[in-house]
Amino acid sequence: MQKQNQMEISSIHQKYFRPSCLKALNVRFGGEFYSLFSEKPHDQIHLPPEWLRTPEDTLLNYFSILREAENLGGRSCGTVGQARTPFPIAYNFLSREYQKKLSFDEYFDSFAGIGHTSLIKLFYVPDGKNGLKFFYEMETIEGFKGKRAEYFGYSYGFIYLVYEKEGFKISDMSKFEEDFLCAPYHGWDHDGEAVVEVKYGEWCKLIQ
């Protein structure tokens, strides 16, 4: 039943919220799920251990909760998605040390202008120095003050995880907005695949 529910969510999600052909990965929870946490502040929310069982579970559940999170600063059409409800839940996916560095208000403000989030790439990155590391890319629907229209934005970055007694938690996270204009105007050094081929292939002879 849960798998069927996820498939239905995914189908609706792809049809109305996605301009790209990449499937969204963060489709684990339906709308009724959020009512369990409605009106609760972040310090009164406890995540079920099964949500944090593996690094992949932690990240897919984290982004699934944020899928319908909205911080647009007010919209005339009414409530968008699950409005502010997902943010206190998602904040609990951060490790204790990360929460000491990033308050809930700062965390919430980091989503300013975002009304919908689709996780489109998630890959484990072997990194012996810094523990568990993943590369991610997401597609967001964003709004800007003074304009009625919304736009699709793309960003990517790395996420680090640590294991705490509850399970795997996010210990750090970086985010970089995609640059679509510099690449066509300024050549290979703004194209990820070309950078790898030139720097590590042609220059360093590390790719056969």
N, C-alpha and C. Protein backbone atom coordinates (compact mmCIF):
# COMPACT_ATOMS: atom_id res chain seq x y z
N MET A 1 0.84 -1.20 0.00
CA MET A 1 0.00 0.00 0.00
C MET A 1 0.88 1.26 0.00
N GLN A 2 1.94 1.24 0.83
CA GLN A 2 2.83 2.39 0.90
C GLN A 2 3.52 2.62 -0.43
N LYS A 3 3.96 1.50 -1.08
CA LYS A 3 4.64 1.62 -2.37
C LYS A 3 3.71 2.21 -3.41
N GLN A 4 2.42 1.77 -3.40
CA GLN A 4 1.44 2.30 -4.34
C GLN A 4 1.21 3.79 -4.11
N ASN A 5 1.14 4.18 -2.83
CA ASN A 5 0.97 5.58 -2.48
C ASN A 5 2.14 6.42 -3.00
N GLN A 6 3.38 5.90 -2.84
CA GLN A 6 4.55 6.60 -3.33
C GLN A 6 4.51 6.77 -4.84
N MET A 7 4.04 5.73 -5.55
CA MET A 7 3.96 5.80 -7.02
C MET A 7 2.95 6.84 -7.46
N GLU A 8 1.82 6.95 -6.73
CA GLU A 8 0.80 7.94 -7.06
C GLU A 8 1.33 9.35 -6.82
N ILE A 9 2.02 9.54 -5.70
CA ILE A 9 2.62 10.84 -5.40
C ILE A 9 3.62 11.20 -6.48
N SER A 10 4.47 10.22 -6.84
CA SER A 10 5.50 10.46 -7.84
C SER A 10 4.89 10.87 -9.17
N SER A 11 3.81 10.21 -9.57
CA SER A 11 3.16 10.51 -10.85
C SER A 11 2.63 11.93 -10.89
N ILE A 12 1.93 12.34 -9.84
CA ILE A 12 1.40 13.70 -9.76
C ILE A 12 2.53 14.71 -9.72
N HIS A 13 3.53 14.39 -8.91
CA HIS A 13 4.68 15.28 -8.73
C HIS A 13 5.37 15.55 -10.06
N GLN A 14 5.59 14.49 -10.85
CA GLN A 14 6.30 14.65 -12.11
C GLN A 14 5.48 15.46 -13.11
N LYS A 15 4.19 15.27 -13.10
CA LYS A 15 3.35 15.90 -14.13
C LYS A 15 3.24 17.40 -13.97
N TYR A 16 3.10 17.87 -12.75
CA TYR A 16 2.80 19.28 -12.54
C TYR A 16 3.97 20.13 -12.00
N PHE A 17 4.99 19.49 -11.47
CA PHE A 17 6.04 20.27 -10.82
C PHE A 17 7.40 20.15 -11.48
N ARG A 18 7.52 19.44 -12.60
CA ARG A 18 8.83 19.14 -13.14
C ARG A 18 9.00 19.56 -14.58
N PRO A 19 9.97 20.43 -14.89
CA PRO A 19 10.27 20.73 -16.29
C PRO A 19 11.31 19.79 -16.88
N SER A 20 12.17 19.18 -16.03
CA SER A 20 13.23 18.32 -16.55
C SER A 20 12.75 16.88 -16.64
N CYS A 21 13.52 16.06 -17.35
CA CYS A 21 13.13 14.67 -17.56
C CYS A 21 13.66 13.74 -16.47
N LEU A 22 14.48 14.24 -15.56
CA LEU A 22 14.99 13.42 -14.46
C LEU A 22 13.90 13.20 -13.42
N LYS A 23 13.76 11.97 -12.97
CA LYS A 23 12.73 11.65 -11.98
C LYS A 23 13.11 12.21 -10.62
N ALA A 24 12.11 12.68 -9.89
CA ALA A 24 12.34 13.13 -8.52
C ALA A 24 12.54 11.92 -7.63
N LEU A 25 13.49 12.01 -6.72
CA LEU A 25 13.81 10.90 -5.82
C LEU A 25 13.12 11.04 -4.46
N ASN A 26 12.68 12.24 -4.13
CA ASN A 26 12.14 12.51 -2.79
C ASN A 26 10.61 12.44 -2.79
N VAL A 27 10.09 11.22 -2.85
CA VAL A 27 8.63 11.03 -2.94
C VAL A 27 8.12 10.03 -1.89
N ARG A 28 8.73 10.04 -0.72
CA ARG A 28 8.41 9.01 0.28
C ARG A 28 7.17 9.30 1.12
N PHE A 29 6.75 10.55 1.22
CA PHE A 29 5.65 10.88 2.13
C PHE A 29 4.52 11.60 1.40
N GLY A 30 3.28 11.31 1.82
CA GLY A 30 2.11 11.97 1.26
C GLY A 30 1.67 13.13 2.13
N GLY A 31 0.64 13.85 1.66
CA GLY A 31 0.19 15.04 2.35
C GLY A 31 -0.33 14.79 3.75
N GLU A 32 -0.99 13.63 4.00
CA GLU A 32 -1.56 13.35 5.30
C GLU A 32 -0.48 13.16 6.37
N PHE A 33 0.71 12.84 5.95
CA PHE A 33 1.82 12.61 6.88
C PHE A 33 2.10 13.84 7.74
N TYR A 34 2.02 15.03 7.16
CA TYR A 34 2.42 16.25 7.86
C TYR A 34 1.49 16.61 9.01
N SER A 35 0.27 16.11 8.98
CA SER A 35 -0.67 16.44 10.06
C SER A 35 -0.20 15.90 11.41
N LEU A 36 0.68 14.89 11.39
CA LEU A 36 1.20 14.33 12.64
C LEU A 36 2.10 15.32 13.38
N PHE A 37 2.63 16.30 12.64
CA PHE A 37 3.59 17.24 13.22
C PHE A 37 3.10 18.68 13.19
N SER A 38 1.87 18.89 12.79
CA SER A 38 1.34 20.23 12.63
C SER A 38 1.41 21.03 13.93
N GLU A 39 1.90 22.27 13.81
CA GLU A 39 1.99 23.22 14.93
C GLU A 39 3.04 22.85 15.98
N LYS A 40 3.83 21.82 15.76
CA LYS A 40 4.85 21.46 16.74
C LYS A 40 6.15 22.20 16.46
N PRO A 41 6.78 22.80 17.48
CA PRO A 41 8.10 23.42 17.28
C PRO A 41 9.16 22.34 17.11
N HIS A 42 10.30 22.71 16.58
CA HIS A 42 11.33 21.72 16.26
C HIS A 42 11.84 20.96 17.48
N ASP A 43 11.86 21.61 18.65
CA ASP A 43 12.40 20.95 19.83
C ASP A 43 11.40 20.01 20.50
N GLN A 44 10.21 19.86 19.92
CA GLN A 44 9.23 18.90 20.43
C GLN A 44 8.97 17.77 19.43
N ILE A 45 9.82 17.67 18.43
CA ILE A 45 9.67 16.65 17.41
C ILE A 45 10.78 15.61 17.56
N HIS A 46 10.40 14.34 17.54
CA HIS A 46 11.35 13.23 17.63
C HIS A 46 11.17 12.34 16.39
N LEU A 47 12.24 12.14 15.67
CA LEU A 47 12.17 11.37 14.43
C LEU A 47 12.18 9.87 14.74
N PRO A 48 11.35 9.09 14.05
CA PRO A 48 11.40 7.63 14.21
C PRO A 48 12.76 7.09 13.80
N PRO A 49 13.33 6.16 14.54
CA PRO A 49 14.66 5.61 14.22
C PRO A 49 14.76 5.03 12.82
N GLU A 50 13.64 4.47 12.31
CA GLU A 50 13.70 3.86 10.98
C GLU A 50 13.93 4.88 9.87
N TRP A 51 13.68 6.15 10.15
CA TRP A 51 13.95 7.19 9.15
C TRP A 51 15.44 7.45 9.00
N LEU A 52 16.22 7.03 10.01
CA LEU A 52 17.64 7.34 10.06
C LEU A 52 18.50 6.08 10.02
N ARG A 53 17.94 4.99 9.56
CA ARG A 53 18.60 3.68 9.66
C ARG A 53 19.86 3.60 8.80
N THR A 54 19.83 4.16 7.60
CA THR A 54 20.99 4.16 6.71
C THR A 54 21.21 5.60 6.22
N PRO A 55 22.40 5.92 5.72
CA PRO A 55 22.62 7.26 5.19
C PRO A 55 21.64 7.61 4.08
N GLU A 56 21.35 6.63 3.21
CA GLU A 56 20.41 6.89 2.12
C GLU A 56 19.01 7.15 2.65
N ASP A 57 18.59 6.39 3.67
CA ASP A 57 17.27 6.63 4.27
C ASP A 57 17.19 8.04 4.83
N THR A 58 18.23 8.45 5.55
CA THR A 58 18.24 9.78 6.13
C THR A 58 18.06 10.85 5.07
N LEU A 59 18.82 10.76 3.98
CA LEU A 59 18.78 11.81 2.96
C LEU A 59 17.50 11.78 2.15
N LEU A 60 17.02 10.60 1.79
CA LEU A 60 15.78 10.53 1.01
C LEU A 60 14.59 10.98 1.86
N ASN A 61 14.57 10.62 3.14
CA ASN A 61 13.49 11.08 4.01
C ASN A 61 13.57 12.58 4.25
N TYR A 62 14.79 13.07 4.43
CA TYR A 62 14.99 14.52 4.65
C TYR A 62 14.45 15.33 3.46
N PHE A 63 14.85 14.98 2.26
CA PHE A 63 14.40 15.72 1.09
C PHE A 63 12.93 15.47 0.78
N SER A 64 12.41 14.29 1.13
CA SER A 64 10.99 14.03 0.93
C SER A 64 10.14 14.92 1.81
N ILE A 65 10.59 15.16 3.03
CA ILE A 65 9.87 16.06 3.94
C ILE A 65 9.92 17.50 3.42
N LEU A 66 11.06 17.88 2.86
CA LEU A 66 11.22 19.25 2.35
C LEU A 66 10.55 19.47 1.00
N ARG A 67 10.08 18.43 0.37
CA ARG A 67 9.51 18.55 -0.98
C ARG A 67 8.47 19.66 -1.05
N GLU A 68 7.55 19.71 -0.10
CA GLU A 68 6.46 20.69 -0.15
C GLU A 68 6.62 21.79 0.89
N ALA A 69 7.85 22.03 1.31
CA ALA A 69 8.13 23.13 2.24
C ALA A 69 8.15 24.44 1.47
N GLU A 70 7.59 25.48 2.07
CA GLU A 70 7.46 26.77 1.36
C GLU A 70 7.89 27.92 2.24
N ASN A 71 8.78 28.75 1.69
CA ASN A 71 9.20 29.97 2.38
C ASN A 71 9.25 31.10 1.35
N LEU A 72 8.12 31.38 0.74
CA LEU A 72 8.04 32.38 -0.32
C LEU A 72 7.75 33.78 0.22
N GLY A 73 7.42 33.87 1.50
CA GLY A 73 7.13 35.19 2.06
C GLY A 73 5.72 35.67 1.79
N GLY A 74 4.79 34.74 1.54
CA GLY A 74 3.39 35.12 1.32
C GLY A 74 2.99 35.06 -0.14
N ARG A 75 1.88 34.37 -0.41
CA ARG A 75 1.38 34.25 -1.78
C ARG A 75 -0.11 34.54 -1.79
N SER A 76 -0.56 35.28 -2.80
CA SER A 76 -1.96 35.67 -2.86
C SER A 76 -2.88 34.50 -3.18
N CYS A 77 -2.32 33.41 -3.73
CA CYS A 77 -3.16 32.28 -4.13
C CYS A 77 -3.49 31.36 -2.96
N GLY A 78 -2.96 31.65 -1.77
CA GLY A 78 -3.25 30.81 -0.61
C GLY A 78 -2.05 29.94 -0.25
N THR A 79 -2.32 28.90 0.55
CA THR A 79 -1.25 28.04 1.03
C THR A 79 -0.59 27.27 -0.11
N VAL A 80 0.72 27.24 -0.10
CA VAL A 80 1.48 26.49 -1.10
C VAL A 80 2.04 25.24 -0.43
N GLY A 81 1.73 24.08 -0.99
CA GLY A 81 2.22 22.82 -0.44
C GLY A 81 1.82 22.64 1.01
N GLN A 82 2.79 22.29 1.84
CA GLN A 82 2.57 22.11 3.28
C GLN A 82 3.05 23.32 4.08
N ALA A 83 3.27 24.44 3.36
CA ALA A 83 3.67 25.71 3.97
C ALA A 83 4.91 25.54 4.86
N ARG A 84 4.85 26.01 6.10
CA ARG A 84 6.03 26.00 6.98
C ARG A 84 6.16 24.71 7.80
N THR A 85 5.16 23.86 7.77
CA THR A 85 5.15 22.65 8.60
C THR A 85 6.38 21.76 8.43
N PRO A 86 6.91 21.55 7.22
CA PRO A 86 8.05 20.63 7.07
C PRO A 86 9.35 21.10 7.73
N PHE A 87 9.55 22.40 7.88
CA PHE A 87 10.85 22.89 8.34
C PHE A 87 11.25 22.40 9.73
N PRO A 88 10.38 22.45 10.74
CA PRO A 88 10.78 21.93 12.06
C PRO A 88 11.10 20.44 12.04
N ILE A 89 10.40 19.69 11.18
CA ILE A 89 10.69 18.25 11.07
C ILE A 89 12.07 18.05 10.47
N ALA A 90 12.31 18.73 9.34
CA ALA A 90 13.57 18.57 8.62
C ALA A 90 14.77 19.00 9.47
N TYR A 91 14.58 20.01 10.29
CA TYR A 91 15.69 20.52 11.13
C TYR A 91 16.22 19.44 12.06
N ASN A 92 15.38 18.49 12.43
CA ASN A 92 15.79 17.43 13.33
C ASN A 92 16.66 16.37 12.65
N PHE A 93 16.81 16.46 11.34
CA PHE A 93 17.74 15.58 10.63
C PHE A 93 19.18 16.07 10.76
N LEU A 94 19.38 17.26 11.29
CA LEU A 94 20.72 17.79 11.48
C LEU A 94 21.31 17.26 12.78
N SER A 95 22.60 17.02 12.78
CA SER A 95 23.27 16.53 13.98
C SER A 95 23.26 17.60 15.07
N ARG A 96 23.53 17.19 16.27
CA ARG A 96 23.54 18.14 17.39
C ARG A 96 24.58 19.23 17.19
N GLU A 97 25.76 18.84 16.70
CA GLU A 97 26.82 19.83 16.48
C GLU A 97 26.44 20.81 15.37
N TYR A 98 25.78 20.31 14.34
CA TYR A 98 25.37 21.17 13.24
C TYR A 98 24.31 22.16 13.70
N GLN A 99 23.40 21.71 14.56
CA GLN A 99 22.37 22.60 15.09
C GLN A 99 22.97 23.69 15.98
N LYS A 100 24.10 23.40 16.63
CA LYS A 100 24.76 24.42 17.44
C LYS A 100 25.31 25.54 16.56
N LYS A 101 25.73 25.19 15.35
CA LYS A 101 26.28 26.18 14.42
C LYS A 101 25.19 26.87 13.62
N LEU A 102 24.06 26.20 13.43
CA LEU A 102 22.99 26.71 12.58
C LEU A 102 21.68 26.69 13.36
N SER A 103 21.23 27.85 13.80
CA SER A 103 19.96 27.90 14.55
C SER A 103 18.79 27.59 13.63
N PHE A 104 17.64 27.31 14.25
CA PHE A 104 16.47 27.00 13.43
C PHE A 104 16.08 28.19 12.57
N ASP A 105 16.15 29.40 13.11
CA ASP A 105 15.79 30.58 12.32
C ASP A 105 16.73 30.76 11.14
N GLU A 106 18.01 30.52 11.34
CA GLU A 106 18.97 30.61 10.23
C GLU A 106 18.69 29.53 9.20
N TYR A 107 18.36 28.34 9.67
CA TYR A 107 18.02 27.23 8.77
C TYR A 107 16.80 27.59 7.94
N PHE A 108 15.77 28.10 8.59
CA PHE A 108 14.55 28.49 7.88
C PHE A 108 14.83 29.58 6.85
N ASP A 109 15.62 30.58 7.22
CA ASP A 109 15.94 31.67 6.30
C ASP A 109 16.73 31.20 5.08
N SER A 110 17.45 30.09 5.21
CA SER A 110 18.23 29.60 4.07
C SER A 110 17.34 29.09 2.94
N PHE A 111 16.03 28.93 3.20
CA PHE A 111 15.09 28.48 2.18
C PHE A 111 14.26 29.64 1.63
N ALA A 112 14.66 30.86 1.91
CA ALA A 112 13.90 32.03 1.45
C ALA A 112 13.73 32.00 -0.06
N GLY A 113 12.48 32.19 -0.51
CA GLY A 113 12.18 32.21 -1.94
C GLY A 113 11.83 30.87 -2.54
N ILE A 114 11.95 29.79 -1.76
CA ILE A 114 11.69 28.44 -2.29
C ILE A 114 10.27 27.98 -1.94
N GLY A 115 9.59 27.43 -2.94
CA GLY A 115 8.22 26.97 -2.73
C GLY A 115 8.01 25.49 -2.98
N HIS A 116 9.00 24.82 -3.59
CA HIS A 116 8.88 23.39 -3.87
C HIS A 116 10.26 22.85 -4.19
N THR A 117 10.56 21.63 -3.74
CA THR A 117 11.89 21.06 -3.93
C THR A 117 11.81 19.64 -4.47
N SER A 118 12.57 19.39 -5.53
CA SER A 118 12.69 18.04 -6.08
C SER A 118 14.16 17.63 -6.06
N LEU A 119 14.45 16.51 -5.39
CA LEU A 119 15.80 15.95 -5.40
C LEU A 119 15.95 15.12 -6.67
N ILE A 120 16.93 15.46 -7.52
CA ILE A 120 17.04 14.76 -8.80
C ILE A 120 18.33 13.93 -8.92
N LYS A 121 19.31 14.17 -8.05
CA LYS A 121 20.52 13.35 -8.06
C LYS A 121 21.01 13.16 -6.63
N LEU A 122 21.49 11.94 -6.35
CA LEU A 122 22.06 11.64 -5.05
C LEU A 122 23.06 10.51 -5.22
N PHE A 123 24.35 10.80 -4.98
CA PHE A 123 25.40 9.81 -5.18
C PHE A 123 26.36 9.80 -3.99
N TYR A 124 26.72 8.62 -3.55
CA TYR A 124 27.72 8.48 -2.50
C TYR A 124 29.09 8.82 -3.07
N VAL A 125 29.88 9.58 -2.31
CA VAL A 125 31.22 9.98 -2.72
C VAL A 125 32.23 9.40 -1.74
N PRO A 126 33.07 8.44 -2.17
CA PRO A 126 34.09 7.90 -1.26
C PRO A 126 35.03 9.00 -0.79
N ASP A 127 35.13 9.16 0.51
CA ASP A 127 35.95 10.23 1.06
C ASP A 127 36.44 9.81 2.44
N GLY A 128 37.64 9.21 2.49
CA GLY A 128 38.15 8.68 3.74
C GLY A 128 38.44 9.72 4.79
N LYS A 129 38.67 10.98 4.39
CA LYS A 129 39.05 12.02 5.33
C LYS A 129 37.87 12.57 6.11
N ASN A 130 36.74 12.73 5.44
CA ASN A 130 35.62 13.44 6.06
C ASN A 130 34.40 12.56 6.33
N GLY A 131 34.56 11.25 6.35
CA GLY A 131 33.45 10.38 6.67
C GLY A 131 32.47 10.20 5.52
N LEU A 132 31.20 10.11 5.85
CA LEU A 132 30.16 9.84 4.86
C LEU A 132 29.83 11.11 4.09
N LYS A 133 29.98 11.03 2.78
CA LYS A 133 29.80 12.21 1.92
C LYS A 133 28.94 11.84 0.72
N PHE A 134 27.98 12.70 0.38
CA PHE A 134 27.12 12.48 -0.77
C PHE A 134 27.08 13.75 -1.62
N PHE A 135 27.01 13.53 -2.93
CA PHE A 135 26.74 14.63 -3.86
C PHE A 135 25.24 14.65 -4.12
N TYR A 136 24.66 15.85 -4.20
CA TYR A 136 23.24 15.95 -4.50
C TYR A 136 22.98 17.09 -5.48
N GLU A 137 21.89 16.99 -6.19
CA GLU A 137 21.41 18.08 -7.04
C GLU A 137 19.90 18.17 -6.87
N MET A 138 19.40 19.39 -6.78
CA MET A 138 17.95 19.55 -6.62
C MET A 138 17.41 20.64 -7.54
N GLU A 139 16.14 20.50 -7.80
CA GLU A 139 15.42 21.43 -8.67
C GLU A 139 14.33 22.08 -7.81
N THR A 140 14.28 23.39 -7.80
CA THR A 140 13.33 24.09 -6.95
C THR A 140 12.44 25.03 -7.76
N ILE A 141 11.23 25.25 -7.25
CA ILE A 141 10.37 26.30 -7.77
C ILE A 141 10.54 27.49 -6.84
N GLU A 142 10.96 28.62 -7.40
CA GLU A 142 11.32 29.78 -6.60
C GLU A 142 10.52 31.00 -7.00
N GLY A 143 10.25 31.85 -6.03
CA GLY A 143 9.54 33.10 -6.28
C GLY A 143 10.37 34.27 -5.81
N PHE A 144 10.12 35.42 -6.37
CA PHE A 144 10.87 36.63 -6.02
C PHE A 144 9.91 37.74 -5.65
N LYS A 145 10.29 38.52 -4.65
CA LYS A 145 9.44 39.62 -4.22
C LYS A 145 9.26 40.61 -5.36
N GLY A 146 8.04 41.08 -5.49
CA GLY A 146 7.75 42.06 -6.53
C GLY A 146 7.34 41.45 -7.85
N LYS A 147 7.40 40.11 -7.95
CA LYS A 147 7.00 39.44 -9.19
C LYS A 147 5.97 38.36 -8.86
N ARG A 148 5.00 38.24 -9.72
CA ARG A 148 3.95 37.24 -9.50
C ARG A 148 4.36 35.87 -10.03
N ALA A 149 5.31 35.83 -10.94
CA ALA A 149 5.71 34.57 -11.55
C ALA A 149 6.73 33.84 -10.70
N GLU A 150 6.78 32.50 -10.86
CA GLU A 150 7.81 31.69 -10.22
C GLU A 150 8.72 31.10 -11.29
N TYR A 151 9.89 30.64 -10.85
CA TYR A 151 10.90 30.15 -11.78
C TYR A 151 11.51 28.86 -11.25
N PHE A 152 12.04 28.06 -12.17
CA PHE A 152 12.73 26.84 -11.77
C PHE A 152 14.21 27.15 -11.57
N GLY A 153 14.74 26.70 -10.45
CA GLY A 153 16.15 26.89 -10.17
C GLY A 153 16.81 25.56 -9.89
N TYR A 154 18.11 25.49 -10.14
CA TYR A 154 18.87 24.26 -9.91
C TYR A 154 20.08 24.56 -9.04
N SER A 155 20.36 23.68 -8.11
CA SER A 155 21.53 23.83 -7.25
C SER A 155 22.08 22.46 -6.92
N TYR A 156 23.33 22.45 -6.48
CA TYR A 156 24.00 21.19 -6.17
C TYR A 156 24.95 21.43 -5.00
N GLY A 157 25.49 20.35 -4.46
CA GLY A 157 26.43 20.49 -3.37
C GLY A 157 26.78 19.14 -2.78
N PHE A 158 27.39 19.18 -1.58
CA PHE A 158 27.77 17.96 -0.88
C PHE A 158 27.15 17.96 0.51
N ILE A 159 26.78 16.76 0.96
CA ILE A 159 26.21 16.57 2.29
C ILE A 159 27.07 15.57 3.05
N TYR A 160 27.39 15.88 4.30
CA TYR A 160 28.14 14.97 5.16
C TYR A 160 27.23 14.45 6.26
N LEU A 161 27.47 13.20 6.65
CA LEU A 161 26.65 12.58 7.69
C LEU A 161 27.53 11.98 8.78
N VAL A 162 26.99 11.94 9.99
CA VAL A 162 27.64 11.26 11.11
C VAL A 162 26.60 10.35 11.76
N TYR A 163 27.09 9.38 12.51
CA TYR A 163 26.18 8.48 13.20
C TYR A 163 26.04 8.91 14.65
N GLU A 164 24.78 9.16 15.07
CA GLU A 164 24.47 9.46 16.46
C GLU A 164 23.59 8.33 17.00
N LYS A 165 23.24 8.40 18.27
CA LYS A 165 22.51 7.28 18.87
C LYS A 165 21.14 7.05 18.21
N GLU A 166 20.56 8.11 17.61
CA GLU A 166 19.28 7.95 16.93
C GLU A 166 19.43 7.35 15.54
N GLY A 167 20.62 7.51 14.95
CA GLY A 167 20.85 7.04 13.58
C GLY A 167 21.74 8.03 12.85
N PHE A 168 21.72 7.98 11.54
CA PHE A 168 22.56 8.86 10.73
C PHE A 168 21.94 10.26 10.63
N LYS A 169 22.76 11.27 10.94
CA LYS A 169 22.30 12.66 10.90
C LYS A 169 23.21 13.47 9.98
N ILE A 170 22.68 14.57 9.45
CA ILE A 170 23.43 15.46 8.57
C ILE A 170 24.34 16.34 9.42
N SER A 171 25.65 16.31 9.14
CA SER A 171 26.61 17.06 9.94
C SER A 171 27.11 18.32 9.24
N ASP A 172 26.91 18.41 7.94
CA ASP A 172 27.30 19.61 7.21
C ASP A 172 26.70 19.52 5.81
N MET A 173 26.58 20.69 5.17
CA MET A 173 25.92 20.73 3.87
C MET A 173 26.35 21.97 3.11
N SER A 174 26.68 21.81 1.84
CA SER A 174 27.01 22.95 0.99
C SER A 174 26.00 23.03 -0.15
N LYS A 175 25.84 24.23 -0.69
CA LYS A 175 24.87 24.44 -1.76
C LYS A 175 25.40 25.50 -2.71
N PHE A 176 25.39 25.18 -4.00
CA PHE A 176 25.85 26.10 -5.04
C PHE A 176 24.77 26.20 -6.12
N GLU A 177 24.40 27.42 -6.46
CA GLU A 177 23.41 27.60 -7.51
C GLU A 177 24.05 27.32 -8.88
N GLU A 178 23.29 26.67 -9.75
CA GLU A 178 23.78 26.39 -11.11
C GLU A 178 23.95 27.71 -11.86
N ASP A 179 25.01 27.78 -12.64
CA ASP A 179 25.31 28.96 -13.46
C ASP A 179 25.08 28.60 -14.92
N PHE A 180 23.97 29.10 -15.48
CA PHE A 180 23.59 28.69 -16.83
C PHE A 180 24.13 29.60 -17.92
N LEU A 181 24.50 30.83 -17.59
CA LEU A 181 24.95 31.76 -18.61
C LEU A 181 26.45 31.72 -18.86
N CYS A 182 27.25 31.51 -17.80
CA CYS A 182 28.69 31.50 -18.00
C CYS A 182 29.14 30.32 -18.86
N ALA A 183 28.47 29.17 -18.71
CA ALA A 183 28.89 27.99 -19.46
C ALA A 183 28.86 28.19 -20.98
N PRO A 184 27.75 28.66 -21.56
CA PRO A 184 27.75 28.83 -23.01
C PRO A 184 28.63 29.96 -23.50
N TYR A 185 28.90 30.94 -22.65
CA TYR A 185 29.70 32.08 -23.09
C TYR A 185 31.19 31.93 -22.80
N HIS A 186 31.54 31.10 -21.80
CA HIS A 186 32.92 31.07 -21.37
C HIS A 186 33.56 29.70 -21.39
N GLY A 187 32.98 28.75 -22.08
CA GLY A 187 33.72 27.53 -22.41
C GLY A 187 33.78 26.43 -21.38
N TRP A 188 34.79 25.58 -21.57
CA TRP A 188 34.87 24.30 -20.88
C TRP A 188 34.97 24.41 -19.37
N ASP A 189 35.59 25.47 -18.83
CA ASP A 189 35.82 25.53 -17.38
C ASP A 189 34.54 25.78 -16.58
N HIS A 190 33.41 25.92 -17.25
CA HIS A 190 32.11 26.02 -16.56
C HIS A 190 31.25 24.79 -16.84
N ASP A 191 31.83 23.78 -17.48
CA ASP A 191 31.12 22.54 -17.79
C ASP A 191 31.76 21.42 -16.97
N GLY A 192 30.99 20.83 -16.06
CA GLY A 192 31.55 19.83 -15.14
C GLY A 192 32.23 18.67 -15.85
N GLU A 193 31.59 18.11 -16.88
CA GLU A 193 32.18 16.97 -17.58
C GLU A 193 33.45 17.38 -18.31
N ALA A 194 33.45 18.57 -18.88
CA ALA A 194 34.64 19.05 -19.60
C ALA A 194 35.79 19.31 -18.64
N VAL A 195 35.49 19.82 -17.45
CA VAL A 195 36.53 20.07 -16.45
C VAL A 195 37.24 18.77 -16.09
N VAL A 196 36.46 17.72 -15.85
CA VAL A 196 37.05 16.42 -15.51
C VAL A 196 37.92 15.92 -16.65
N GLU A 197 37.43 16.00 -17.88
CA GLU A 197 38.17 15.50 -19.04
C GLU A 197 39.46 16.27 -19.26
N VAL A 198 39.40 17.60 -19.16
CA VAL A 198 40.59 18.43 -19.42
C VAL A 198 41.59 18.35 -18.28
N LYS A 199 41.12 18.61 -17.04
CA LYS A 199 42.05 18.69 -15.91
C LYS A 199 42.62 17.33 -15.53
N TYR A 200 41.73 16.33 -15.41
CA TYR A 200 42.18 15.03 -14.92
C TYR A 200 42.53 14.06 -16.03
N GLY A 201 42.04 14.33 -17.22
CA GLY A 201 42.38 13.48 -18.36
C GLY A 201 43.56 14.01 -19.13
N GLU A 202 43.38 15.14 -19.81
CA GLU A 202 44.42 15.69 -20.67
C GLU A 202 45.62 16.21 -19.88
N TRP A 203 45.35 16.93 -18.78
CA TRP A 203 46.45 17.53 -18.03
C TRP A 203 47.16 16.53 -17.11
N CYS A 204 46.41 15.86 -16.28
CA CYS A 204 47.03 15.00 -15.26
C CYS A 204 47.21 13.55 -15.70
N LYS A 205 46.62 13.17 -16.83
CA LYS A 205 46.73 11.80 -17.37
C LYS A 205 46.23 10.75 -16.37
N LEU A 206 45.20 11.11 -15.60
CA LEU A 206 44.65 10.19 -14.61
C LEU A 206 43.48 9.36 -15.15
N ILE A 207 43.00 9.72 -16.34
CA ILE A 207 41.86 9.01 -16.93
C ILE A 207 42.35 8.29 -18.18
N GLN A 208 42.10 6.98 -18.24
CA GLN A 208 42.50 6.19 -19.40
C GLN A 208 41.34 6.06 -20.36
